[in-house]
Amino acid sequence: MCLCIPSNVLEVYPDECSALVDTLGVQRQVSTHLISAPLAAGDHVLIHVGFAISKIDQQEAQQSLETYRQLLAEMDEDDIKVLLQ
């Protein structure tokens, strides 16, 4: 099963076809090769195995992030470790 957590685009590097994103407080650089729409800081994308796979609107991103936060709040530490493996 794949969980795509919305990520906030912080910086875009068009020459490298990549972007710096923030996913629930974790920053990392991801490939933007699969995104045809132009990206800018403040946009939201879904990430799968290091690739931005789609751009989503802010409202959808916020709704999804709130759902993830609620789920994480209900899980114990061992369940979260298994989920993140």
C-alpha atoms as a PDB file:
ATOM      1  CA  MET A   1       0.000   0.000   0.000  1.00  0.00           C
ATOM      2  CA  CYS A   2       1.235   3.477  -0.822  1.00  0.00           C
ATOM      3  CA  LEU A   3       0.501   6.498   1.320  1.00  0.00           C
ATOM      4  CA  CYS A   4       1.097   9.780  -0.466  1.00  0.00           C
ATOM      5  CA  ILE A   5       1.311  12.539   2.093  1.00  0.00           C
ATOM      6  CA  PRO A   6       0.935  16.055   0.686  1.00  0.00           C
ATOM      7  CA  SER A   7       4.180  18.002   0.692  1.00  0.00           C
ATOM      8  CA  ASN A   8       4.651  21.759   0.554  1.00  0.00           C
ATOM      9  CA  VAL A   9       7.074  22.998  -2.121  1.00  0.00           C
ATOM     10  CA  LEU A  10       9.683  25.248  -0.505  1.00  0.00           C
ATOM     11  CA  GLU A  11      12.035  25.814  -3.449  1.00  0.00           C
ATOM     12  CA  VAL A  12      12.073  24.774  -7.098  1.00  0.00           C
ATOM     13  CA  TYR A  13      15.266  23.898  -8.997  1.00  0.00           C
ATOM     14  CA  PRO A  14      14.198  23.831 -12.679  1.00  0.00           C
ATOM     15  CA  ASP A  15      17.719  23.157 -13.998  1.00  0.00           C
ATOM     16  CA  GLU A  16      17.861  19.989 -11.870  1.00  0.00           C
ATOM     17  CA  CYS A  17      14.187  19.015 -12.362  1.00  0.00           C
ATOM     18  CA  SER A  18      13.815  18.894  -8.597  1.00  0.00           C
ATOM     19  CA  ALA A  19      12.268  20.709  -5.664  1.00  0.00           C
ATOM     20  CA  LEU A  20      12.833  21.034  -1.940  1.00  0.00           C
ATOM     21  CA  VAL A  21       9.658  19.992  -0.115  1.00  0.00           C
ATOM     22  CA  ASP A  22       8.419  19.825   3.454  1.00  0.00           C
ATOM     23  CA  THR A  23       6.423  16.765   4.482  1.00  0.00           C
ATOM     24  CA  LEU A  24       5.039  17.047   8.019  1.00  0.00           C
ATOM     25  CA  GLY A  25       8.168  18.917   9.115  1.00  0.00           C
ATOM     26  CA  VAL A  26      10.692  16.772   7.224  1.00  0.00           C
ATOM     27  CA  GLN A  27      12.487  18.502   4.357  1.00  0.00           C
ATOM     28  CA  ARG A  28      13.946  16.669   1.376  1.00  0.00           C
ATOM     29  CA  GLN A  29      14.721  17.169  -2.277  1.00  0.00           C
ATOM     30  CA  VAL A  30      12.528  15.267  -4.751  1.00  0.00           C
ATOM     31  CA  SER A  31      12.469  14.797  -8.498  1.00  0.00           C
ATOM     32  CA  THR A  32       9.918  16.797 -10.499  1.00  0.00           C
ATOM     33  CA  HIS A  33      10.428  14.860 -13.758  1.00  0.00           C
ATOM     34  CA  LEU A  34       6.874  13.454 -13.604  1.00  0.00           C
ATOM     35  CA  ILE A  35       5.106  16.801 -13.083  1.00  0.00           C
ATOM     36  CA  SER A  36       4.070  18.597 -16.263  1.00  0.00           C
ATOM     37  CA  ALA A  37       2.449  21.590 -14.524  1.00  0.00           C
ATOM     38  CA  PRO A  38       4.778  24.410 -13.480  1.00  0.00           C
ATOM     39  CA  LEU A  39       5.676  24.379  -9.779  1.00  0.00           C
ATOM     40  CA  ALA A  40       6.361  27.289  -7.449  1.00  0.00           C
ATOM     41  CA  ALA A  41       7.107  27.715  -3.768  1.00  0.00           C
ATOM     42  CA  GLY A  42       3.866  27.293  -1.842  1.00  0.00           C
ATOM     43  CA  ASP A  43       2.419  24.643  -4.159  1.00  0.00           C
ATOM     44  CA  HIS A  44       1.521  21.202  -2.813  1.00  0.00           C
ATOM     45  CA  VAL A  45       2.511  17.897  -4.388  1.00  0.00           C
ATOM     46  CA  LEU A  46       2.118  14.204  -3.669  1.00  0.00           C
ATOM     47  CA  ILE A  47       5.395  12.278  -3.377  1.00  0.00           C
ATOM     48  CA  HIS A  48       6.055   8.610  -4.147  1.00  0.00           C
ATOM     49  CA  VAL A  49       9.543   7.071  -3.786  1.00  0.00           C
ATOM     50  CA  GLY A  50      11.293  10.391  -4.229  1.00  0.00           C
ATOM     51  CA  PHE A  51       9.219  11.622  -7.180  1.00  0.00           C
ATOM     52  CA  ALA A  52       6.561  14.319  -7.127  1.00  0.00           C
ATOM     53  CA  ILE A  53       3.721  12.511  -8.922  1.00  0.00           C
ATOM     54  CA  SER A  54       0.953  15.108  -8.903  1.00  0.00           C
ATOM     55  CA  LYS A  55       0.206  18.665  -7.942  1.00  0.00           C
ATOM     56  CA  ILE A  56      -2.819  19.208  -5.668  1.00  0.00           C
ATOM     57  CA  ASP A  57      -4.628  22.317  -4.495  1.00  0.00           C
ATOM     58  CA  GLN A  58      -4.081  23.793  -1.053  1.00  0.00           C
ATOM     59  CA  GLN A  59      -7.523  22.856   0.264  1.00  0.00           C
ATOM     60  CA  GLU A  60      -7.088  19.184  -0.662  1.00  0.00           C
ATOM     61  CA  ALA A  61      -3.594  19.190   0.860  1.00  0.00           C
ATOM     62  CA  GLN A  62      -4.810  20.696   4.135  1.00  0.00           C
ATOM     63  CA  GLN A  63      -7.690  18.227   4.409  1.00  0.00           C
ATOM     64  CA  SER A  64      -5.363  15.273   3.813  1.00  0.00           C
ATOM     65  CA  LEU A  65      -2.761  16.572   6.263  1.00  0.00           C
ATOM     66  CA  GLU A  66      -5.406  16.995   8.962  1.00  0.00           C
ATOM     67  CA  THR A  67      -6.544  13.397   8.415  1.00  0.00           C
ATOM     68  CA  TYR A  68      -2.928  12.150   8.718  1.00  0.00           C
ATOM     69  CA  ARG A  69      -2.422  14.165  11.914  1.00  0.00           C
ATOM     70  CA  GLN A  70      -5.581  12.666  13.418  1.00  0.00           C
ATOM     71  CA  LEU A  71      -4.480   9.141  12.500  1.00  0.00           C
ATOM     72  CA  LEU A  72      -1.013   9.676  13.954  1.00  0.00           C
ATOM     73  CA  ALA A  73      -2.496  11.056  17.186  1.00  0.00           C
ATOM     74  CA  GLU A  74      -4.491   7.831  17.619  1.00  0.00           C
ATOM     75  CA  MET A  75      -1.547   5.483  16.952  1.00  0.00           C
ATOM     76  CA  ASP A  76       0.962   4.314  19.514  1.00  0.00           C
ATOM     77  CA  GLU A  77       4.709   4.657  18.923  1.00  0.00           C
ATOM     78  CA  ASP A  78       5.213   1.039  17.773  1.00  0.00           C
ATOM     79  CA  ASP A  79       2.459   1.350  15.145  1.00  0.00           C
ATOM     80  CA  ILE A  80       4.013   4.550  13.804  1.00  0.00           C
ATOM     81  CA  LYS A  81       7.439   2.861  13.488  1.00  0.00           C
ATOM     82  CA  VAL A  82       5.887   0.013  11.481  1.00  0.00           C
ATOM     83  CA  LEU A  83       4.055   2.487   9.248  1.00  0.00           C
ATOM     84  CA  LEU A  84       7.240   4.418   8.486  1.00  0.00           C
ATOM     85  CA  GLN A  85       9.334   1.353   7.578  1.00  0.00           C
END
